[in-house]
Structures are given as structure tokens and as C-alpha cells.
Amino acid sequence: MQYWVCYDIADDRRRQRLSDALLDFGTRIQESVFQCRIDATLAEEMLTRVQRTIEENTDKVHVISLCDACGGKITLYGIAKEAADPEYLII
């Protein structure tokens, strides 16, 4: 399954912590957008880490899950590239 995580976090330290956490699960597509190809178990762990990292009253995080069929419908333009599956995940 694919998960896309997009965030808007004003606090530099918290934003860096979230970015570091998401790198354990996927690939940075843009500055605050990650594409994660993970199973349900890892997705639960990722969501737990997101929730532990952010400030609920100020931060914005969107997690979009795509089934395999929907993930195959992504269209890329310009120099955009599909994120490669990571060789390994750090948990």
C-alpha cells in the first residue's frame, strides 16, 4: 500500500523530527511530502510516530492512503520521478 504524507509545521525542530521519522518509512518527494510504500503494520507504526511528534493544536499533517490499483494511476509531469522502493527500512 502507498501512503502519501504531507505536512505544514512551523516549528523547525519539530518539523525536522517529523522529517527524520518519515525517512524511516519512505522517500521524500518534495520538502514536506513523503511517499511511503509500506504494509499495514509499518503504517500503524508510522502513524504512531507522527502523532507522537506533532503538536495537535498547531501542526497540520495529511496522510493519504492509496490502494495498489489507485497507486498505479499516478501521473508524473516534468522532472518528477516515481519514488523507488527503499532498499531497507529503519525501524
C-alpha atoms as a PDB file:
ATOM      1  CA  MET A   1       0.000   0.000   0.000  1.00  0.00           C
ATOM      2  CA  GLN A   2       1.132   3.540  -0.651  1.00  0.00           C
ATOM      3  CA  TYR A   3       0.845   6.349   1.840  1.00  0.00           C
ATOM      4  CA  TRP A   4       1.497   9.978   0.998  1.00  0.00           C
ATOM      5  CA  VAL A   5       2.252  12.203   3.968  1.00  0.00           C
ATOM      6  CA  CYS A   6       2.129  15.989   3.593  1.00  0.00           C
ATOM      7  CA  TYR A   7       2.706  18.390   6.432  1.00  0.00           C
ATOM      8  CA  ASP A   8       2.885  22.042   7.417  1.00  0.00           C
ATOM      9  CA  ILE A   9       4.779  22.555  10.660  1.00  0.00           C
ATOM     10  CA  ALA A  10       6.087  25.994  11.670  1.00  0.00           C
ATOM     11  CA  ASP A  11       8.426  24.833  14.437  1.00  0.00           C
ATOM     12  CA  ASP A  12      11.820  23.982  12.884  1.00  0.00           C
ATOM     13  CA  ARG A  13      12.802  21.388  15.471  1.00  0.00           C
ATOM     14  CA  ARG A  14       9.511  19.521  15.371  1.00  0.00           C
ATOM     15  CA  ARG A  15       9.436  19.673  11.563  1.00  0.00           C
ATOM     16  CA  GLN A  16      12.935  18.150  11.430  1.00  0.00           C
ATOM     17  CA  ARG A  17      11.942  15.381  13.874  1.00  0.00           C
ATOM     18  CA  LEU A  18       8.932  14.504  11.732  1.00  0.00           C
ATOM     19  CA  SER A  19      11.004  14.552   8.561  1.00  0.00           C
ATOM     20  CA  ASP A  20      13.601  12.253  10.150  1.00  0.00           C
ATOM     21  CA  ALA A  21      10.870   9.877  11.307  1.00  0.00           C
ATOM     22  CA  LEU A  22       9.235   9.735   7.871  1.00  0.00           C
ATOM     23  CA  LEU A  23      12.569   8.937   6.221  1.00  0.00           C
ATOM     24  CA  ASP A  24      12.415   5.643   8.140  1.00  0.00           C
ATOM     25  CA  PHE A  25       9.294   4.729   6.164  1.00  0.00           C
ATOM     26  CA  GLY A  26       9.541   6.284   2.733  1.00  0.00           C
ATOM     27  CA  THR A  27      11.024   8.710   0.240  1.00  0.00           C
ATOM     28  CA  ARG A  28      10.906  12.493   0.266  1.00  0.00           C
ATOM     29  CA  ILE A  29       9.081  13.657  -2.870  1.00  0.00           C
ATOM     30  CA  GLN A  30       9.149  17.370  -2.036  1.00  0.00           C
ATOM     31  CA  GLU A  31      10.223  19.361   1.016  1.00  0.00           C
ATOM     32  CA  SER A  32       7.204  18.365   3.083  1.00  0.00           C
ATOM     33  CA  VAL A  33       5.789  15.459   1.087  1.00  0.00           C
ATOM     34  CA  PHE A  34       6.739  11.805   1.534  1.00  0.00           C
ATOM     35  CA  GLN A  35       5.717   8.714  -0.424  1.00  0.00           C
ATOM     36  CA  CYS A  36       5.778   5.557   1.687  1.00  0.00           C
ATOM     37  CA  ARG A  37       5.254   2.043   0.287  1.00  0.00           C
ATOM     38  CA  ILE A  38       4.677   0.019   3.403  1.00  0.00           C
ATOM     39  CA  ASP A  39       2.419  -2.666   4.794  1.00  0.00           C
ATOM     40  CA  ALA A  40      -0.323  -2.083   7.363  1.00  0.00           C
ATOM     41  CA  THR A  41       1.909  -2.909  10.329  1.00  0.00           C
ATOM     42  CA  LEU A  42       4.530  -0.347   9.352  1.00  0.00           C
ATOM     43  CA  ALA A  43       1.776   2.153   8.538  1.00  0.00           C
ATOM     44  CA  GLU A  44       0.493   1.859  12.104  1.00  0.00           C
ATOM     45  CA  GLU A  45       3.994   2.466  13.438  1.00  0.00           C
ATOM     46  CA  MET A  46       4.431   5.458  11.114  1.00  0.00           C
ATOM     47  CA  LEU A  47       1.122   6.991  12.212  1.00  0.00           C
ATOM     48  CA  THR A  48       2.008   6.480  15.860  1.00  0.00           C
ATOM     49  CA  ARG A  49       5.319   8.266  15.367  1.00  0.00           C
ATOM     50  CA  VAL A  50       3.604  11.105  13.503  1.00  0.00           C
ATOM     51  CA  GLN A  51       1.116  11.551  16.335  1.00  0.00           C
ATOM     52  CA  ARG A  52       3.876  11.492  18.956  1.00  0.00           C
ATOM     53  CA  THR A  53       5.908  14.097  17.059  1.00  0.00           C
ATOM     54  CA  ILE A  54       3.403  16.772  16.164  1.00  0.00           C
ATOM     55  CA  GLU A  55       1.641  19.398  18.244  1.00  0.00           C
ATOM     56  CA  GLU A  56      -2.070  18.690  17.795  1.00  0.00           C
ATOM     57  CA  ASN A  57      -3.127  22.324  18.250  1.00  0.00           C
ATOM     58  CA  THR A  58      -0.797  23.919  15.682  1.00  0.00           C
ATOM     59  CA  ASP A  59       0.585  21.396  13.166  1.00  0.00           C
ATOM     60  CA  LYS A  60      -1.105  20.101  10.018  1.00  0.00           C
ATOM     61  CA  VAL A  61      -0.448  16.605   8.661  1.00  0.00           C
ATOM     62  CA  HIS A  62      -2.351  14.883   5.865  1.00  0.00           C
ATOM     63  CA  VAL A  63      -1.914  11.130   5.371  1.00  0.00           C
ATOM     64  CA  ILE A  64      -3.391   9.788   2.144  1.00  0.00           C
ATOM     65  CA  SER A  65      -3.558   6.031   1.629  1.00  0.00           C
ATOM     66  CA  LEU A  66      -3.731   4.605  -1.876  1.00  0.00           C
ATOM     67  CA  CYS A  67      -4.585   1.026  -2.742  1.00  0.00           C
ATOM     68  CA  ASP A  68      -2.357  -0.709  -5.291  1.00  0.00           C
ATOM     69  CA  ALA A  69      -4.807  -0.015  -8.110  1.00  0.00           C
ATOM     70  CA  CYS A  70      -5.006   3.700  -7.282  1.00  0.00           C
ATOM     71  CA  GLY A  71      -1.249   3.954  -6.818  1.00  0.00           C
ATOM     72  CA  GLY A  72      -0.825   2.791 -10.403  1.00  0.00           C
ATOM     73  CA  LYS A  73      -2.853   5.764 -11.624  1.00  0.00           C
ATOM     74  CA  ILE A  74      -0.363   8.413 -10.516  1.00  0.00           C
ATOM     75  CA  THR A  75       0.679  10.637 -13.419  1.00  0.00           C
ATOM     76  CA  LEU A  76       4.007  12.451 -13.313  1.00  0.00           C
ATOM     77  CA  TYR A  77       4.993  15.536 -15.324  1.00  0.00           C
ATOM     78  CA  GLY A  78       8.206  17.425 -15.901  1.00  0.00           C
ATOM     79  CA  ILE A  79      11.179  16.094 -13.981  1.00  0.00           C
ATOM     80  CA  ALA A  80       9.025  14.329 -11.372  1.00  0.00           C
ATOM     81  CA  LYS A  81      10.073  10.735 -10.720  1.00  0.00           C
ATOM     82  CA  GLU A  82       8.270   7.871  -9.040  1.00  0.00           C
ATOM     83  CA  ALA A  83       9.883   7.186  -5.694  1.00  0.00           C
ATOM     84  CA  ALA A  84      11.854   3.963  -5.675  1.00  0.00           C
ATOM     85  CA  ASP A  85      11.148   1.382  -3.019  1.00  0.00           C
ATOM     86  CA  PRO A  86      13.770   1.762  -0.314  1.00  0.00           C
ATOM     87  CA  GLU A  87      16.353  -0.997  -0.111  1.00  0.00           C
ATOM     88  CA  TYR A  88      15.663  -1.228   3.603  1.00  0.00           C
ATOM     89  CA  LEU A  89      13.610   0.481   6.292  1.00  0.00           C
ATOM     90  CA  ILE A  90      14.956   1.647   9.625  1.00  0.00           C
ATOM     91  CA  ILE A  91      12.569   0.903  12.452  1.00  0.00           C
END
